[in-house]
Amino acid sequence: MRRLVVGLSVVAVLGAGACQQAEAPADAPAAEAASAPQPGQTMAETFGNCEWGEVTGSGLSIWSYACGPEAGNVRLVADDSLPGFAIESTGEGEAARRPAIMIFKKAADASVESIVEAVRAKSPGPHSATCTLQPVTFEGAVPGSFGFEPTGAVKAAWDAFASGDGEAEPVEPPCGDLGPQMAGDRSFRVVEGDPTTVVFIEYGSEIQIFDPATLRPAT
């Protein structure tokens, strides 16, 4: 992760054998900082001892907190092996990563459902072959989100078990790691500004250090 650094540009103007430095407005740094995405109140309160900044990788940009040892020693990092971004935590001299955002590619004019075979390959589960991408909504989800969801009788059995029905038969998560689980939320969506990129986002069951709403093509 890298910190957001706002600076003044220096422009050299040649003329009459002399150089002049163009002046920038005194409030330029403040204006640029104000235009950057800002965390919501809940995030700011939760990660008050962490540093807010931009993270880029695999052609995307997202804003996240980076927390030092006094606040869990976790940060969002670019991970080309996914490709996408991972949450990295460091303890006892060793770093561990877990996927947070995974990138899938499609044709610009293709629907989001066109990536379903690639999703099935990345998310093997007992019923992944019949799971499909379906619109989902949950608290914090970006509009236009999809879930990798079971269908038919498998969906009915999973919904009964996940609802806490004591009489329902236990069911293993039917669509693998990228599908519904007993805890936490996850979804897919097309990246705003890039119709060729679909991202899987692991929201988890607690507030994350990154803000999925700030995800954009890197500039």
Protein backbone atom coordinates (compact mmCIF):
# COMPACT_ATOMS: atom_id res chain seq x y z
CA MET A 1 0.00 0.00 0.00
CA ARG A 2 1.25 3.46 -0.65
CA ARG A 3 0.32 6.68 1.07
CA LEU A 4 -1.47 9.42 -0.79
CA VAL A 5 1.03 12.22 -1.26
CA VAL A 6 -0.20 15.54 -2.58
CA GLY A 7 2.47 17.85 -3.99
CA LEU A 8 2.93 20.92 -6.17
CA SER A 9 4.02 20.57 -9.80
CA VAL A 10 7.05 22.55 -10.94
CA VAL A 11 6.80 23.94 -14.44
CA ALA A 12 9.85 25.36 -16.16
CA VAL A 13 9.12 28.23 -18.50
CA LEU A 14 11.92 29.18 -20.85
CA GLY A 15 12.22 32.73 -22.08
CA ALA A 16 14.73 35.56 -22.48
CA GLY A 17 17.53 33.27 -21.31
CA ALA A 18 15.96 32.91 -17.87
CA CYS A 19 13.81 30.29 -16.06
CA GLN A 20 10.77 31.02 -13.99
CA GLN A 21 8.87 28.70 -11.62
CA ALA A 22 5.12 28.72 -12.14
CA GLU A 23 3.23 29.47 -8.99
CA ALA A 24 0.48 27.12 -7.80
CA PRO A 25 -2.45 28.32 -5.73
CA ALA A 26 -1.69 28.16 -2.03
CA ASP A 27 -4.72 25.95 -1.45
CA ALA A 28 -3.88 23.41 -4.21
CA PRO A 29 -2.81 20.58 -1.85
CA ALA A 30 -5.93 21.00 0.27
CA ALA A 31 -8.16 21.03 -2.81
CA GLU A 32 -6.60 17.84 -4.19
CA ALA A 33 -6.90 16.10 -0.82
CA ALA A 34 -10.54 17.12 -0.55
CA SER A 35 -11.29 15.57 -3.95
CA ALA A 36 -9.90 12.17 -2.91
CA PRO A 37 -12.40 9.51 -1.71
CA GLN A 38 -12.98 9.76 2.02
CA PRO A 39 -13.93 6.94 4.42
CA GLY A 40 -17.39 6.81 5.93
CA GLN A 41 -17.90 7.66 9.57
CA THR A 42 -18.09 4.04 10.72
CA MET A 43 -14.84 3.16 8.93
CA ALA A 44 -13.12 6.25 10.29
CA GLU A 45 -14.19 5.42 13.84
CA THR A 46 -13.27 1.74 13.53
CA PHE A 47 -9.83 2.35 12.03
CA GLY A 48 -8.95 5.60 13.76
CA ASN A 49 -5.39 4.45 14.43
CA CYS A 50 -4.78 3.42 10.81
CA GLU A 51 -3.77 5.36 7.70
CA TRP A 52 -6.16 5.98 4.79
CA GLY A 53 -4.72 5.87 1.26
CA GLU A 54 -4.89 4.56 -2.28
CA VAL A 55 -3.81 1.05 -3.32
CA THR A 56 -3.27 0.18 -7.00
CA GLY A 57 -2.67 -3.08 -8.83
CA SER A 58 -3.80 -5.10 -11.85
CA GLY A 59 -5.09 -1.93 -13.48
CA LEU A 60 -7.38 -0.99 -10.59
CA SER A 61 -7.38 1.57 -7.80
CA ILE A 62 -9.11 1.29 -4.42
CA TRP A 63 -8.93 3.18 -1.12
CA SER A 64 -8.19 1.39 2.10
CA TYR A 65 -6.74 1.69 5.58
CA ALA A 66 -3.27 0.41 6.48
CA CYS A 67 -2.95 -0.55 10.14
CA GLY A 68 0.32 -0.78 12.02
CA PRO A 69 1.30 -3.17 14.84
CA GLU A 70 -0.75 -1.23 17.39
CA ALA A 71 -3.91 -1.78 15.29
CA GLY A 72 -3.58 -5.37 14.08
CA ASN A 73 -0.80 -4.95 11.50
CA VAL A 74 -3.07 -5.47 8.48
CA ARG A 75 -3.26 -3.79 5.10
CA LEU A 76 -4.66 -4.25 1.61
CA VAL A 77 -2.03 -5.20 -0.98
CA ALA A 78 -2.05 -5.86 -4.72
CA ASP A 79 -1.74 -9.58 -5.45
CA ASP A 80 -1.03 -10.50 -9.07
CA SER A 81 -1.46 -14.20 -8.34
CA LEU A 82 -5.23 -13.77 -7.92
CA PRO A 83 -5.17 -11.33 -9.78
CA GLY A 84 -6.59 -8.64 -7.53
CA PHE A 85 -6.05 -7.57 -3.92
CA ALA A 86 -5.48 -9.44 -0.67
CA ILE A 87 -5.61 -8.60 3.02
CA GLU A 88 -2.11 -9.05 4.37
CA SER A 89 -1.50 -9.50 8.09
CA THR A 90 1.91 -9.75 9.70
CA GLY A 91 2.65 -11.49 12.97
CA GLU A 92 5.78 -12.98 14.49
CA GLY A 93 7.79 -11.99 11.43
CA GLU A 94 5.55 -13.86 8.97
CA ALA A 95 3.01 -12.41 6.53
CA ALA A 96 -0.25 -14.16 5.69
CA ARG A 97 -2.67 -13.22 2.92
CA ARG A 98 -6.32 -13.91 2.23
CA PRO A 99 -8.10 -12.90 -1.00
CA ALA A 100 -10.24 -9.77 -0.76
CA ILE A 101 -10.86 -8.80 -4.40
CA MET A 102 -10.47 -11.10 -7.40
CA ILE A 103 -10.54 -9.96 -11.02
CA PHE A 104 -12.34 -11.68 -13.90
CA LYS A 105 -12.22 -10.44 -17.50
CA LYS A 106 -14.94 -10.41 -20.15
CA ALA A 107 -15.73 -8.78 -23.49
CA ALA A 108 -16.95 -5.20 -23.15
CA ASP A 109 -20.34 -6.02 -24.64
CA ALA A 110 -20.77 -9.35 -22.82
CA SER A 111 -23.06 -9.78 -19.81
CA VAL A 112 -21.66 -10.52 -16.37
CA GLU A 113 -22.98 -14.07 -16.73
CA SER A 114 -20.30 -14.67 -19.37
CA ILE A 115 -17.71 -15.24 -16.63
CA VAL A 116 -19.68 -18.01 -14.90
CA GLU A 117 -17.47 -20.86 -16.18
CA ALA A 118 -14.36 -19.03 -14.96
CA VAL A 119 -16.04 -18.52 -11.58
CA ARG A 120 -16.95 -22.21 -11.35
CA ALA A 121 -13.31 -23.10 -12.03
CA LYS A 122 -12.11 -20.75 -9.26
CA SER A 123 -14.80 -21.87 -6.81
CA PRO A 124 -15.19 -25.66 -6.84
CA GLY A 125 -18.03 -26.79 -4.59
CA PRO A 126 -20.38 -29.76 -4.46
CA HIS A 127 -22.88 -27.99 -6.74
CA SER A 128 -20.79 -25.30 -8.49
CA ALA A 129 -21.69 -26.79 -11.88
CA THR A 130 -25.29 -25.63 -11.36
CA CYS A 131 -24.60 -22.37 -9.50
CA THR A 132 -25.23 -19.15 -11.43
CA LEU A 133 -24.65 -15.41 -11.05
CA GLN A 134 -27.81 -13.83 -9.69
CA PRO A 135 -28.57 -10.26 -8.51
CA VAL A 136 -28.08 -9.83 -4.76
CA THR A 137 -28.56 -7.06 -2.23
CA PHE A 138 -27.21 -6.78 1.29
CA GLU A 139 -26.07 -3.96 3.57
CA GLY A 140 -23.01 -2.33 2.04
CA ALA A 141 -23.35 -3.97 -1.38
CA VAL A 142 -22.68 -1.74 -4.36
CA PRO A 143 -25.74 -1.47 -6.65
CA GLY A 144 -25.56 -3.91 -9.55
CA SER A 145 -24.00 -6.71 -7.49
CA PHE A 146 -24.35 -10.41 -8.23
CA GLY A 147 -23.87 -13.52 -6.11
CA PHE A 148 -22.66 -16.97 -7.18
CA GLU A 149 -25.80 -18.71 -6.01
CA PRO A 150 -27.28 -22.24 -5.96
CA THR A 151 -30.40 -23.07 -7.93
CA GLY A 152 -33.39 -25.40 -7.71
CA ALA A 153 -33.58 -27.98 -4.95
CA VAL A 154 -30.03 -27.18 -3.81
CA LYS A 155 -31.02 -23.55 -3.24
CA ALA A 156 -34.08 -24.59 -1.25
CA ALA A 157 -32.00 -26.90 0.95
CA TRP A 158 -29.28 -24.29 1.48
CA ASP A 159 -31.76 -21.50 2.27
CA ALA A 160 -33.47 -23.68 4.86
CA PHE A 161 -30.19 -24.59 6.55
CA ALA A 162 -28.75 -21.07 6.38
CA SER A 163 -31.93 -19.61 7.88
CA GLY A 164 -31.27 -21.50 11.11
CA ASP A 165 -34.15 -23.93 10.71
CA GLY A 166 -33.36 -26.53 13.37
CA GLU A 167 -35.08 -29.24 11.40
CA ALA A 168 -33.16 -28.61 8.16
CA GLU A 169 -30.47 -31.05 7.08
CA PRO A 170 -26.92 -29.64 7.32
CA VAL A 171 -25.70 -28.48 3.91
CA GLU A 172 -22.13 -27.82 2.83
CA PRO A 173 -21.68 -24.44 1.08
CA PRO A 174 -22.93 -25.46 -2.36
CA CYS A 175 -20.99 -23.11 -4.62
CA GLY A 176 -17.49 -23.21 -3.11
CA ASP A 177 -15.51 -20.37 -1.55
CA LEU A 178 -16.90 -17.66 -3.86
CA GLY A 179 -20.50 -18.59 -3.15
CA PRO A 180 -22.72 -18.18 -0.08
CA GLN A 181 -21.37 -19.19 3.33
CA MET A 182 -22.87 -19.36 6.80
CA ALA A 183 -21.16 -16.08 7.69
CA GLY A 184 -20.24 -12.98 5.76
CA ASP A 185 -21.16 -11.53 2.38
CA ARG A 186 -19.52 -11.70 -1.04
CA SER A 187 -20.49 -10.53 -4.49
CA PHE A 188 -19.46 -9.83 -8.08
CA ARG A 189 -19.91 -6.62 -10.06
CA VAL A 190 -18.68 -4.90 -13.21
CA VAL A 191 -16.13 -2.21 -12.41
CA GLU A 192 -17.48 1.27 -13.04
CA GLY A 193 -15.59 2.76 -15.98
CA ASP A 194 -14.31 -0.59 -17.29
CA PRO A 195 -16.93 -2.93 -18.80
CA THR A 196 -14.26 -5.58 -19.43
CA THR A 197 -13.54 -6.14 -15.73
CA VAL A 198 -15.67 -7.95 -13.17
CA VAL A 199 -14.54 -8.12 -9.55
CA PHE A 200 -15.37 -10.60 -6.83
CA ILE A 201 -15.40 -8.84 -3.45
CA GLU A 202 -15.12 -10.66 -0.12
CA TYR A 203 -16.93 -8.44 2.38
CA GLY A 204 -16.53 -10.88 5.25
CA SER A 205 -18.70 -10.71 8.36
CA GLU A 206 -17.11 -7.58 9.86
CA ILE A 207 -16.29 -4.12 8.54
CA GLN A 208 -13.41 -4.30 6.09
CA ILE A 209 -10.40 -1.98 5.93
CA PHE A 210 -11.15 -1.17 2.26
CA ASP A 211 -14.09 0.63 0.67
CA PRO A 212 -15.47 -1.33 -2.32
CA ALA A 213 -17.36 1.74 -3.54
CA THR A 214 -14.03 3.46 -4.37
CA LEU A 215 -12.90 0.72 -6.78
CA ARG A 216 -12.06 2.26 -10.18
CA PRO A 217 -9.69 1.75 -13.12
CA ALA A 218 -6.26 3.05 -12.14
CA THR A 219 -5.16 6.27 -13.83
